[in-house]
Structures are given as structure tokens and as C-alpha cells.
Amino acid sequence: METAVKLQQILFSKSPMLLTENQNECNVRLLKKFYAINFLKRRADQIIINKTFNILYS
């Protein structure tokens, strides 16, 4: 664990931008996953509601 921390400190001292770019890239990926999951949940809810209405009013 100490080695990883030391490596991170060396990386950051050499190039702080490198570390923040990687962090930003990671955050963007997480956001995309979050939005994709929310989109799929909404889509599933829509399908369930449509099927329910079709059953009720047919």
C-alpha cells in the first residue's frame, strides 16, 4: 500500500495534470454509466406502464 502511495506522490509531483486528467476521465465514465442505468430504468418503467394500460383497457 505504501508503494502505491509513493508512486502516486511521485506521479503527482512530476505532472499534476496527468493525475487530474485520469481522474476526470474516470468521473466522466462513471457519469455515463449512471445516466445509462437511469435511462434503462426509465425505459423499463415506461414499458411496464404501457403493458399495464394495454391489459387494463383491452
N, C-alpha and C. Protein backbone atom coordinates (compact mmCIF):
# COMPACT_ATOMS: atom_id res chain seq x y z
N MET A 1 0.83 -1.20 0.00
CA MET A 1 0.00 0.00 0.00
C MET A 1 0.87 1.26 0.00
N GLU A 2 1.94 1.22 0.80
CA GLU A 2 2.83 2.37 0.87
C GLU A 2 3.46 2.65 -0.49
N THR A 3 3.78 1.59 -1.21
CA THR A 3 4.41 1.74 -2.53
C THR A 3 3.47 2.48 -3.48
N ALA A 4 2.19 2.11 -3.45
CA ALA A 4 1.21 2.75 -4.31
C ALA A 4 1.09 4.24 -3.99
N VAL A 5 1.10 4.56 -2.71
CA VAL A 5 1.01 5.96 -2.28
C VAL A 5 2.24 6.74 -2.75
N LYS A 6 3.40 6.13 -2.59
CA LYS A 6 4.65 6.77 -3.02
C LYS A 6 4.63 7.01 -4.53
N LEU A 7 4.21 6.00 -5.28
CA LEU A 7 4.12 6.13 -6.74
C LEU A 7 3.18 7.27 -7.13
N GLN A 8 2.05 7.34 -6.43
CA GLN A 8 1.07 8.38 -6.73
C GLN A 8 1.67 9.76 -6.43
N GLN A 9 2.40 9.89 -5.32
CA GLN A 9 3.03 11.16 -4.97
C GLN A 9 4.07 11.55 -6.01
N ILE A 10 4.85 10.58 -6.47
CA ILE A 10 5.87 10.86 -7.50
C ILE A 10 5.19 11.32 -8.78
N LEU A 11 4.15 10.59 -9.18
CA LEU A 11 3.40 10.95 -10.39
C LEU A 11 2.85 12.36 -10.29
N PHE A 12 2.26 12.66 -9.13
CA PHE A 12 1.64 13.97 -8.94
C PHE A 12 2.68 15.08 -8.95
N SER A 13 3.85 14.83 -8.34
CA SER A 13 4.90 15.85 -8.31
C SER A 13 5.46 16.09 -9.71
N LYS A 14 5.52 15.03 -10.52
CA LYS A 14 6.05 15.16 -11.89
C LYS A 14 5.04 15.85 -12.79
N SER A 15 3.77 15.47 -12.67
CA SER A 15 2.76 16.02 -13.57
C SER A 15 1.39 16.00 -12.90
N PRO A 16 1.02 17.09 -12.21
CA PRO A 16 -0.30 17.13 -11.56
C PRO A 16 -1.45 17.01 -12.57
N MET A 17 -1.22 17.52 -13.79
CA MET A 17 -2.27 17.48 -14.82
C MET A 17 -2.59 16.03 -15.22
N LEU A 18 -1.55 15.21 -15.27
CA LEU A 18 -1.73 13.80 -15.66
C LEU A 18 -2.71 13.12 -14.72
N LEU A 19 -2.54 13.34 -13.43
CA LEU A 19 -3.37 12.70 -12.43
C LEU A 19 -4.82 13.22 -12.52
N THR A 20 -4.97 14.54 -12.66
CA THR A 20 -6.33 15.10 -12.71
C THR A 20 -7.04 14.70 -14.00
N GLU A 21 -6.29 14.57 -15.10
CA GLU A 21 -6.92 14.13 -16.36
C GLU A 21 -7.46 12.71 -16.20
N ASN A 22 -6.66 11.85 -15.58
CA ASN A 22 -7.12 10.47 -15.34
C ASN A 22 -8.35 10.46 -14.44
N GLN A 23 -8.34 11.31 -13.43
CA GLN A 23 -9.47 11.40 -12.50
C GLN A 23 -10.71 11.88 -13.24
N ASN A 24 -10.54 12.91 -14.09
CA ASN A 24 -11.67 13.44 -14.86
C ASN A 24 -12.23 12.39 -15.80
N GLU A 25 -11.33 11.65 -16.45
CA GLU A 25 -11.75 10.59 -17.37
C GLU A 25 -12.58 9.54 -16.61
N CYS A 26 -12.12 9.21 -15.42
CA CYS A 26 -12.81 8.23 -14.58
C CYS A 26 -14.19 8.77 -14.18
N ASN A 27 -14.25 10.04 -13.80
CA ASN A 27 -15.52 10.66 -13.42
C ASN A 27 -16.50 10.68 -14.58
N VAL A 28 -16.00 10.98 -15.77
CA VAL A 28 -16.86 11.00 -16.96
C VAL A 28 -17.43 9.61 -17.23
N ARG A 29 -16.57 8.58 -17.10
CA ARG A 29 -17.04 7.21 -17.31
C ARG A 29 -18.12 6.84 -16.30
N LEU A 30 -17.93 7.24 -15.04
CA LEU A 30 -18.92 6.95 -14.00
C LEU A 30 -20.25 7.65 -14.30
N LEU A 31 -20.16 8.92 -14.73
CA LEU A 31 -21.37 9.67 -15.08
C LEU A 31 -22.12 9.00 -16.23
N LYS A 32 -21.38 8.58 -17.24
CA LYS A 32 -22.01 7.91 -18.39
C LYS A 32 -22.74 6.65 -17.95
N LYS A 33 -22.10 5.86 -17.07
CA LYS A 33 -22.74 4.65 -16.56
C LYS A 33 -24.00 5.00 -15.78
N PHE A 34 -23.90 6.03 -14.94
CA PHE A 34 -25.03 6.47 -14.12
C PHE A 34 -26.22 6.87 -15.01
N TYR A 35 -25.94 7.68 -16.05
CA TYR A 35 -27.01 8.11 -16.95
C TYR A 35 -27.59 6.95 -17.75
N ALA A 36 -26.73 6.02 -18.16
CA ALA A 36 -27.19 4.85 -18.91
C ALA A 36 -28.12 4.00 -18.05
N ILE A 37 -27.74 3.79 -16.79
CA ILE A 37 -28.58 3.00 -15.88
C ILE A 37 -29.92 3.69 -15.65
N ASN A 38 -29.88 5.01 -15.42
CA ASN A 38 -31.12 5.75 -15.21
C ASN A 38 -32.02 5.70 -16.44
N PHE A 39 -31.40 5.81 -17.64
CA PHE A 39 -32.18 5.74 -18.88
C PHE A 39 -32.87 4.39 -19.00
N LEU A 40 -32.12 3.32 -18.71
CA LEU A 40 -32.70 1.96 -18.80
C LEU A 40 -33.82 1.76 -17.79
N LYS A 41 -33.65 2.33 -16.59
CA LYS A 41 -34.70 2.21 -15.57
C LYS A 41 -35.98 2.92 -16.04
N ARG A 42 -35.80 4.13 -16.58
CA ARG A 42 -36.98 4.89 -17.08
C ARG A 42 -37.66 4.14 -18.22
N ARG A 43 -36.85 3.57 -19.11
CA ARG A 43 -37.38 2.82 -20.24
C ARG A 43 -38.17 1.60 -19.75
N ALA A 44 -37.62 0.91 -18.77
CA ALA A 44 -38.30 -0.27 -18.22
C ALA A 44 -39.62 0.14 -17.58
N ASP A 45 -39.61 1.26 -16.84
CA ASP A 45 -40.84 1.76 -16.21
C ASP A 45 -41.88 2.08 -17.28
N GLN A 46 -41.45 2.72 -18.38
CA GLN A 46 -42.36 3.06 -19.47
C GLN A 46 -43.01 1.81 -20.05
N ILE A 47 -42.19 0.79 -20.29
CA ILE A 47 -42.70 -0.46 -20.87
C ILE A 47 -43.72 -1.10 -19.93
N ILE A 48 -43.40 -1.13 -18.63
CA ILE A 48 -44.31 -1.73 -17.65
C ILE A 48 -45.64 -0.97 -17.63
N ILE A 49 -45.57 0.36 -17.64
CA ILE A 49 -46.79 1.19 -17.62
C ILE A 49 -47.61 0.93 -18.87
N ASN A 50 -46.96 0.91 -20.04
CA ASN A 50 -47.67 0.65 -21.30
C ASN A 50 -48.35 -0.71 -21.29
N LYS A 51 -47.64 -1.72 -20.85
CA LYS A 51 -48.21 -3.08 -20.81
C LYS A 51 -49.40 -3.13 -19.85
N THR A 52 -49.27 -2.46 -18.71
CA THR A 52 -50.34 -2.43 -17.72
C THR A 52 -51.59 -1.78 -18.30
N PHE A 53 -51.41 -0.63 -18.97
CA PHE A 53 -52.55 0.06 -19.60
C PHE A 53 -53.20 -0.81 -20.67
N ASN A 54 -52.35 -1.48 -21.47
CA ASN A 54 -52.88 -2.36 -22.52
C ASN A 54 -53.72 -3.47 -21.92
N ILE A 55 -53.27 -4.04 -20.82
CA ILE A 55 -54.02 -5.12 -20.17
C ILE A 55 -55.32 -4.58 -19.58
N LEU A 56 -55.23 -3.41 -18.91
CA LEU A 56 -56.41 -2.85 -18.25
C LEU A 56 -57.48 -2.41 -19.24
N TYR A 57 -57.05 -1.81 -20.36
CA TYR A 57 -58.02 -1.21 -21.27
C TYR A 57 -58.26 -2.01 -22.54
N SER A 58 -57.90 -3.30 -22.53
CA SER A 58 -58.16 -4.10 -23.73
C SER A 58 -59.32 -5.05 -23.50
